[in-house]
Each structure stands twice: as C-alpha cells, then as structure tokens.
Amino acid sequence: MRFSSFDEAYSDLRRLARPEPFTDREQRLFDAYAAQHFVCEAATDASEENKEQWILDYTLPVTWVFIGWRTDGSRWD
C-alpha cells in the first residue's frame, strides 16, 4: 500500500481499523501508531520524476478465504 500523503495513508489505515469511533485513549494510541509506522520514501515514476510516497514500515498481512458450494449437491473438485 502506497499513498501520496500521510493524511491519505492515515485515513486508509483508519478505515481498516474499524468504522466505529475511537475512545480518546484508542485515538491517542492510533495516532501514535500511525506516526511511528508510516514512513515517507522517495519514489520514481515512469517519467523519472521523484515523488514522495508514504508506506508502512512493515508488510501488512492480507488474509482471505474463499468459501463456495454447489447448489445441485455435486462435489467441488
């Protein structure tokens, strides 16, 4: 995940955290976490222009599962 600004990165991480409002304590912890783990690095695009991008300083694990079934009773092979 790469973002063009800290605010964009912060908003996306907040969206992933949960939709409900944070308590004051949770907000302080979240703000500190974002400030600690988002880093700005130089990125070169196709036009060779240097631009900054904001990324997490660790790999964000992505976990997903596919659940499927057949409605006609046959086995899924």
C-alpha atoms as a PDB file:
ATOM      1  CA  MET A   1       0.000   0.000   0.000  1.00  0.00           C
ATOM      2  CA  ARG A   2       1.452   3.284  -1.125  1.00  0.00           C
ATOM      3  CA  PHE A   3      -0.023   6.708  -0.516  1.00  0.00           C
ATOM      4  CA  SER A   4       0.730  10.180  -1.794  1.00  0.00           C
ATOM      5  CA  SER A   5       0.362  11.819   1.633  1.00  0.00           C
ATOM      6  CA  PHE A   6       0.415  10.979   5.303  1.00  0.00           C
ATOM      7  CA  ASP A   7      -3.244  12.017   5.595  1.00  0.00           C
ATOM      8  CA  GLU A   8      -4.244   9.599   2.835  1.00  0.00           C
ATOM      9  CA  ALA A   9      -2.287   6.782   4.492  1.00  0.00           C
ATOM     10  CA  TYR A  10      -3.760   7.615   7.896  1.00  0.00           C
ATOM     11  CA  SER A  11      -7.326   7.622   6.526  1.00  0.00           C
ATOM     12  CA  ASP A  12      -6.889   4.259   4.835  1.00  0.00           C
ATOM     13  CA  LEU A  13      -5.417   2.652   7.943  1.00  0.00           C
ATOM     14  CA  ARG A  14      -8.249   4.122   9.986  1.00  0.00           C
ATOM     15  CA  ARG A  15     -10.760   2.571   7.567  1.00  0.00           C
ATOM     16  CA  LEU A  16      -9.117  -0.812   8.071  1.00  0.00           C
ATOM     17  CA  ALA A  17      -9.104  -0.458  11.847  1.00  0.00           C
ATOM     18  CA  ARG A  18     -12.873  -0.231  12.343  1.00  0.00           C
ATOM     19  CA  PRO A  19     -15.772   2.023  11.411  1.00  0.00           C
ATOM     20  CA  GLU A  20     -16.853   2.850  14.979  1.00  0.00           C
ATOM     21  CA  PRO A  21     -15.470   5.974  16.643  1.00  0.00           C
ATOM     22  CA  PHE A  22     -12.411   5.509  18.842  1.00  0.00           C
ATOM     23  CA  THR A  23     -12.380   6.316  22.515  1.00  0.00           C
ATOM     24  CA  ASP A  24      -9.965   9.098  23.490  1.00  0.00           C
ATOM     25  CA  ARG A  25      -7.393   6.512  24.585  1.00  0.00           C
ATOM     26  CA  GLU A  26      -7.777   4.474  21.384  1.00  0.00           C
ATOM     27  CA  GLN A  27      -7.407   7.644  19.303  1.00  0.00           C
ATOM     28  CA  ARG A  28      -4.162   8.589  21.078  1.00  0.00           C
ATOM     29  CA  LEU A  29      -2.790   5.066  20.582  1.00  0.00           C
ATOM     30  CA  PHE A  30      -3.839   5.003  16.929  1.00  0.00           C
ATOM     31  CA  ASP A  31      -2.280   8.409  16.238  1.00  0.00           C
ATOM     32  CA  ALA A  32       0.984   7.327  17.882  1.00  0.00           C
ATOM     33  CA  TYR A  33       0.962   4.055  15.926  1.00  0.00           C
ATOM     34  CA  ALA A  34       0.412   5.823  12.599  1.00  0.00           C
ATOM     35  CA  ALA A  35       3.132   8.383  13.339  1.00  0.00           C
ATOM     36  CA  GLN A  36       5.557   5.607  14.266  1.00  0.00           C
ATOM     37  CA  HIS A  37       4.873   3.203  11.396  1.00  0.00           C
ATOM     38  CA  PHE A  38       4.196   5.358   8.317  1.00  0.00           C
ATOM     39  CA  VAL A  39       7.420   6.414   6.638  1.00  0.00           C
ATOM     40  CA  CYS A  40       7.992   8.698   3.692  1.00  0.00           C
ATOM     41  CA  GLU A  41      10.229   7.464   0.917  1.00  0.00           C
ATOM     42  CA  ALA A  42      11.206   8.767  -2.494  1.00  0.00           C
ATOM     43  CA  ALA A  43       9.571   7.035  -5.448  1.00  0.00           C
ATOM     44  CA  THR A  44      10.407   7.359  -9.107  1.00  0.00           C
ATOM     45  CA  ASP A  45       7.511   7.097 -11.533  1.00  0.00           C
ATOM     46  CA  ALA A  46       7.616   6.249 -15.249  1.00  0.00           C
ATOM     47  CA  SER A  47       8.540   9.842 -16.143  1.00  0.00           C
ATOM     48  CA  GLU A  48      11.563   9.556 -13.825  1.00  0.00           C
ATOM     49  CA  GLU A  49      10.176  12.263 -11.559  1.00  0.00           C
ATOM     50  CA  ASN A  50      10.975  11.837  -7.901  1.00  0.00           C
ATOM     51  CA  LYS A  51       7.869  11.907  -5.779  1.00  0.00           C
ATOM     52  CA  GLU A  52       7.351  11.035  -2.166  1.00  0.00           C
ATOM     53  CA  GLN A  53       5.164   8.178  -1.071  1.00  0.00           C
ATOM     54  CA  TRP A  54       4.009   7.044   2.334  1.00  0.00           C
ATOM     55  CA  ILE A  55       4.195   3.377   3.236  1.00  0.00           C
ATOM     56  CA  LEU A  56       4.023   1.239   6.351  1.00  0.00           C
ATOM     57  CA  ASP A  57       7.414   0.236   7.725  1.00  0.00           C
ATOM     58  CA  TYR A  58       6.318  -3.414   7.738  1.00  0.00           C
ATOM     59  CA  THR A  59       4.392  -5.753   5.462  1.00  0.00           C
ATOM     60  CA  LEU A  60       0.683  -5.698   6.185  1.00  0.00           C
ATOM     61  CA  PRO A  61      -0.531  -9.301   6.216  1.00  0.00           C
ATOM     62  CA  VAL A  62      -3.516  -9.959   3.989  1.00  0.00           C
ATOM     63  CA  THR A  63      -5.605 -12.987   4.847  1.00  0.00           C
ATOM     64  CA  TRP A  64      -8.606 -14.181   2.905  1.00  0.00           C
ATOM     65  CA  VAL A  65     -10.623 -17.334   2.442  1.00  0.00           C
ATOM     66  CA  PHE A  66     -12.910 -18.473  -0.350  1.00  0.00           C
ATOM     67  CA  ILE A  67     -15.954 -20.451   0.706  1.00  0.00           C
ATOM     68  CA  GLY A  68     -18.051 -21.967  -2.028  1.00  0.00           C
ATOM     69  CA  TRP A  69     -20.588 -24.681  -2.550  1.00  0.00           C
ATOM     70  CA  ARG A  70     -22.634 -26.165  -5.294  1.00  0.00           C
ATOM     71  CA  THR A  71     -26.372 -25.904  -5.016  1.00  0.00           C
ATOM     72  CA  ASP A  72     -27.024 -29.083  -7.013  1.00  0.00           C
ATOM     73  CA  GLY A  73     -25.400 -31.353  -4.388  1.00  0.00           C
ATOM     74  CA  SER A  74     -22.401 -32.366  -6.533  1.00  0.00           C
ATOM     75  CA  ARG A  75     -18.842 -32.287  -5.178  1.00  0.00           C
ATOM     76  CA  TRP A  76     -16.481 -29.418  -5.816  1.00  0.00           C
ATOM     77  CA  ASP A  77     -13.290 -30.827  -7.313  1.00  0.00           C
END
